[in-house]
Structures are given as structure tokens and as C-alpha cells.
C-alpha atoms as a PDB file:
ATOM      1  CA  GLU A   1      38.472  -5.166  23.069  1.00  0.00           C
ATOM      2  CA  SER A   2      35.799  -6.954  21.684  1.00  0.00           C
ATOM      3  CA  LEU A   3      37.771  -9.980  21.162  1.00  0.00           C
ATOM      4  CA  LYS A   4      37.931 -10.528  24.898  1.00  0.00           C
ATOM      5  CA  ILE A   5      34.464 -10.706  25.457  1.00  0.00           C
ATOM      6  CA  GLU A   6      33.832 -14.438  27.326  1.00  0.00           C
ATOM      7  CA  VAL A   7      30.161 -15.125  25.669  1.00  0.00           C
ATOM      8  CA  PRO A   8      28.992 -15.924  22.146  1.00  0.00           C
ATOM      9  CA  VAL A   9      29.443 -12.882  19.452  1.00  0.00           C
ATOM     10  CA  LEU A  10      28.298 -12.671  16.316  1.00  0.00           C
ATOM     11  CA  VAL A  11      30.826 -11.443  13.659  1.00  0.00           C
ATOM     12  CA  LYS A  12      29.983  -9.503  10.404  1.00  0.00           C
ATOM     13  CA  GLY A  13      32.549  -9.024   7.772  1.00  0.00           C
ATOM     14  CA  SER A  14      34.014 -10.128   4.503  1.00  0.00           C
ATOM     15  CA  LEU A  15      36.595 -12.449   3.488  1.00  0.00           C
ATOM     16  CA  ARG A  16      39.224 -10.903   1.317  1.00  0.00           C
ATOM     17  CA  ALA A  17      41.674 -13.024  -0.989  1.00  0.00           C
ATOM     18  CA  ASP A  18      44.161 -11.036  -2.990  1.00  0.00           C
ATOM     19  CA  ASP A  19      45.528 -12.211  -6.424  1.00  0.00           C
ATOM     20  CA  ASP A  20      48.856 -13.595  -5.058  1.00  0.00           C
ATOM     21  CA  GLU A  21      48.983 -16.997  -3.255  1.00  0.00           C
ATOM     22  CA  SER A  22      48.716 -15.501   0.313  1.00  0.00           C
ATOM     23  CA  ALA A  23      46.418 -16.839   2.872  1.00  0.00           C
ATOM     24  CA  PRO A  24      42.929 -14.700   2.529  1.00  0.00           C
ATOM     25  CA  LYS A  25      41.931 -12.357   4.885  1.00  0.00           C
ATOM     26  CA  LEU A  26      39.182 -11.795   7.235  1.00  0.00           C
ATOM     27  CA  SER A  27      38.128  -8.430   7.085  1.00  0.00           C
ATOM     28  CA  VAL A  28      35.705  -7.902  10.416  1.00  0.00           C
ATOM     29  CA  SER A  29      33.371  -4.539  10.261  1.00  0.00           C
ATOM     30  CA  SER A  30      31.309  -5.104  13.572  1.00  0.00           C
ATOM     31  CA  ILE A  31      31.535  -7.800  16.709  1.00  0.00           C
ATOM     32  CA  GLN A  32      28.697  -8.003  18.952  1.00  0.00           C
ATOM     33  CA  PRO A  33      27.688 -10.499  22.126  1.00  0.00           C
ATOM     34  CA  LEU A  34      24.644 -12.343  21.333  1.00  0.00           C
ATOM     35  CA  GLU A  35      22.970 -11.587  23.957  1.00  0.00           C
ATOM     36  CA  ASP A  36      23.039  -7.726  22.613  1.00  0.00           C
ATOM     37  CA  ILE A  37      21.155  -8.845  19.668  1.00  0.00           C
ATOM     38  CA  LYS A  38      17.140  -9.092  19.119  1.00  0.00           C
ATOM     39  CA  ILE A  39      15.558 -10.702  16.619  1.00  0.00           C
ATOM     40  CA  LYS A  40      12.350  -9.467  15.511  1.00  0.00           C
ATOM     41  CA  LEU A  41      10.003 -12.227  15.231  1.00  0.00           C
ATOM     42  CA  PRO A  42       6.693 -12.329  13.299  1.00  0.00           C
ATOM     43  CA  GLN A  43       3.862 -10.811  14.842  1.00  0.00           C
ATOM     44  CA  ASN A  44       0.993 -13.072  13.239  1.00  0.00           C
ATOM     45  CA  VAL A  45       1.323 -16.868  12.426  1.00  0.00           C
ATOM     46  CA  ARG A  46      -1.579 -18.532  10.066  1.00  0.00           C
ATOM     47  CA  ILE A  47      -1.545 -22.129  10.226  1.00  0.00           C
ATOM     48  CA  ARG A  48      -3.422 -24.081   6.962  1.00  0.00           C
ATOM     49  CA  ILE A  49      -4.457 -27.586   8.133  1.00  0.00           C
ATOM     50  CA  SER A  50      -6.374 -29.597   5.262  1.00  0.00           C
ATOM     51  CA  LEU A  51      -9.036 -31.683   6.991  1.00  0.00           C
ATOM     52  CA  GLU A  52      -8.597 -34.276   3.864  1.00  0.00           C
ATOM     53  CA  LYS A  53      -5.312 -35.138   5.867  1.00  0.00           C
ATOM     54  CA  ALA A  54      -5.915 -34.383   9.633  1.00  0.00           C
ATOM     55  CA  SER A  55      -5.955 -36.913  12.265  1.00  0.00           C
ATOM     56  CA  GLU A  56      -5.993 -37.025  15.551  1.00  0.00           C
ATOM     57  CA  ALA A  57      -2.247 -37.660  15.796  1.00  0.00           C
ATOM     58  CA  MET A  58      -1.507 -34.953  13.381  1.00  0.00           C
ATOM     59  CA  LEU A  59      -3.172 -32.447  15.547  1.00  0.00           C
ATOM     60  CA  GLY A  60      -1.715 -33.756  19.003  1.00  0.00           C
ATOM     61  CA  SER A  61       1.432 -33.133  17.366  1.00  0.00           C
ATOM     62  CA  LEU A  62       0.649 -30.128  16.195  1.00  0.00           C
ATOM     63  CA  LYS A  63      -0.518 -28.853  19.544  1.00  0.00           C
ATOM     64  CA  GLU A  64       2.885 -30.168  20.999  1.00  0.00           C
ATOM     65  CA  ILE A  65       4.921 -27.852  18.398  1.00  0.00           C
ATOM     66  CA  ILE A  66       2.813 -24.857  19.473  1.00  0.00           C
ATOM     67  CA  THR A  67       2.848 -25.050  23.104  1.00  0.00           C
ATOM     68  CA  GLY A  68       6.972 -25.854  22.788  1.00  0.00           C
ATOM     69  CA  ALA A  69       7.053 -22.375  21.053  1.00  0.00           C
ATOM     70  CA  PRO A  70       5.461 -19.691  22.898  1.00  0.00           C
ATOM     71  CA  GLY A  71       6.213 -16.206  22.028  1.00  0.00           C
ATOM     72  CA  PRO A  72       4.710 -13.238  20.581  1.00  0.00           C
ATOM     73  CA  GLY A  73       2.989 -14.027  17.895  1.00  0.00           C
ATOM     74  CA  ARG A  74      -0.903 -14.291  17.138  1.00  0.00           C
ATOM     75  CA  LEU A  75      -1.856 -17.971  16.246  1.00  0.00           C
ATOM     76  CA  MET A  76      -4.541 -18.317  13.574  1.00  0.00           C
ATOM     77  CA  ILE A  77      -5.333 -21.494  12.010  1.00  0.00           C
ATOM     78  CA  ASN A  78      -7.397 -22.216   9.091  1.00  0.00           C
ATOM     79  CA  LEU A  79      -9.286 -25.355   8.784  1.00  0.00           C
ATOM     80  CA  GLU A  80      -9.579 -26.145   5.059  1.00  0.00           C
ATOM     81  CA  ARG A  81     -11.794 -28.646   2.883  1.00  0.00           C
ATOM     82  CA  ARG A  82     -10.429 -27.954  -0.462  1.00  0.00           C
ATOM     83  CA  GLY A  83     -13.258 -26.595  -3.070  1.00  0.00           C
ATOM     84  CA  GLU A  84     -15.629 -26.498   0.156  1.00  0.00           C
ATOM     85  CA  TYR A  85     -14.905 -24.028   2.853  1.00  0.00           C
ATOM     86  CA  CYS A  86     -12.373 -23.067   5.401  1.00  0.00           C
ATOM     87  CA  VAL A  87     -13.117 -21.942   9.006  1.00  0.00           C
ATOM     88  CA  MET A  88     -10.710 -19.690  10.209  1.00  0.00           C
ATOM     89  CA  LEU A  89      -9.797 -19.893  13.926  1.00  0.00           C
ATOM     90  CA  GLU A  90      -7.920 -18.106  16.712  1.00  0.00           C
ATOM     91  CA  PRO A  91      -7.336 -19.942  19.491  1.00  0.00           C
ATOM     92  CA  GLU A  92      -7.337 -18.046  22.677  1.00  0.00           C
ATOM     93  CA  GLY A  93      -4.235 -18.215  24.933  1.00  0.00           C
ATOM     94  CA  PHE A  94      -1.700 -19.574  22.140  1.00  0.00           C
ATOM     95  CA  SER A  95       0.862 -17.352  20.760  1.00  0.00           C
ATOM     96  CA  VAL A  96       4.184 -18.663  19.072  1.00  0.00           C
ATOM     97  CA  ALA A  97       7.537 -17.940  18.423  1.00  0.00           C
ATOM     98  CA  ALA A  98       7.680 -18.156  14.964  1.00  0.00           C
ATOM     99  CA  ASP A  99      11.312 -18.725  13.993  1.00  0.00           C
ATOM    100  CA  ARG A 100      12.894 -20.963  11.557  1.00  0.00           C
ATOM    101  CA  GLY A 101      12.827 -23.930  13.809  1.00  0.00           C
ATOM    102  CA  PHE A 102       9.275 -23.822  14.646  1.00  0.00           C
ATOM    103  CA  ILE A 103       8.021 -23.062  11.029  1.00  0.00           C
ATOM    104  CA  GLU A 104      10.273 -26.432   9.783  1.00  0.00           C
ATOM    105  CA  ARG A 105       8.981 -28.095  12.398  1.00  0.00           C
ATOM    106  CA  ALA A 106       5.284 -27.212  11.613  1.00  0.00           C
ATOM    107  CA  GLU A 107       5.688 -27.752   7.896  1.00  0.00           C
ATOM    108  CA  GLU A 108       7.369 -31.016   8.429  1.00  0.00           C
ATOM    109  CA  LEU A 109       3.967 -32.107   9.750  1.00  0.00           C
ATOM    110  CA  LEU A 110       1.636 -30.434   7.941  1.00  0.00           C
ATOM    111  CA  GLY A 111       3.409 -29.657   4.290  1.00  0.00           C
ATOM    112  CA  ARG A 112       5.263 -27.387   2.784  1.00  0.00           C
ATOM    113  CA  GLY A 113       3.522 -23.666   2.442  1.00  0.00           C
ATOM    114  CA  ALA A 114       1.376 -24.884   5.338  1.00  0.00           C
ATOM    115  CA  VAL A 115       2.478 -21.883   7.558  1.00  0.00           C
ATOM    116  CA  GLN A 116       2.766 -18.122   6.718  1.00  0.00           C
ATOM    117  CA  ALA A 117       4.426 -15.827   9.153  1.00  0.00           C
ATOM    118  CA  PHE A 118       3.777 -12.109   8.585  1.00  0.00           C
ATOM    119  CA  GLU A 119       3.650  -8.613  10.329  1.00  0.00           C
END
């Protein structure tokens, strides 16, 4: 009955290959419409910005990434000068959906490990 749904679905199961030369078989354990699947996003997101590397263009790009990913995650920003200080900010009115795409875009701009998502 689930295969008659005309919407995208998530199929969970396993692929079984027998020892003989017959084609592998797919064993399906569940089928769910994608609209029914709730993805739990992190509730907190910390972004570390190195002031040695920061520029106006970088910060403008980061703002575009943040405003392009509205969501439930509370945003915290650490402005850091290595070996000297760290200023922690929680910008009012900004929250993000810290999914894999958001983290990849932000880390491409700021460097690997610059984004930490947590509960």
C-alpha cells in the first residue's frame, strides 16, 4: 500500500546477496513519506570567528548564510583573537537551522571546526 503514495518516501532496509549468482534482493523494513519525518535540528549553534582572518566581506557573507537559514537554533558568536581574548555574543533576532548544509557553508567561509552545533 505504501508504494502507491505519489510523494517522496524514505525507504529503510538492507540489501541481501545470496551465495549463488542470482540478483541481490532488497529487504524493506519501513517506508515513510518524507513529509512525515521530523528532523531534529540542534537547539544551539556557536560560530567562532578569528579576528585575524575576519574582513568586512567575510562578515557580510556570514550574515547572508545566517539569514538564509532561519530556524530554531539559538545563535552564539565568539569573536576570538588567539592568545588574547574571546568576546561571546548572542545576536538578538537571529536564529538558525543548523543542518548539514548550513554548517558546510559557514565552515567553507570561516574554516573547518568554526561551527559547533549542540543541544
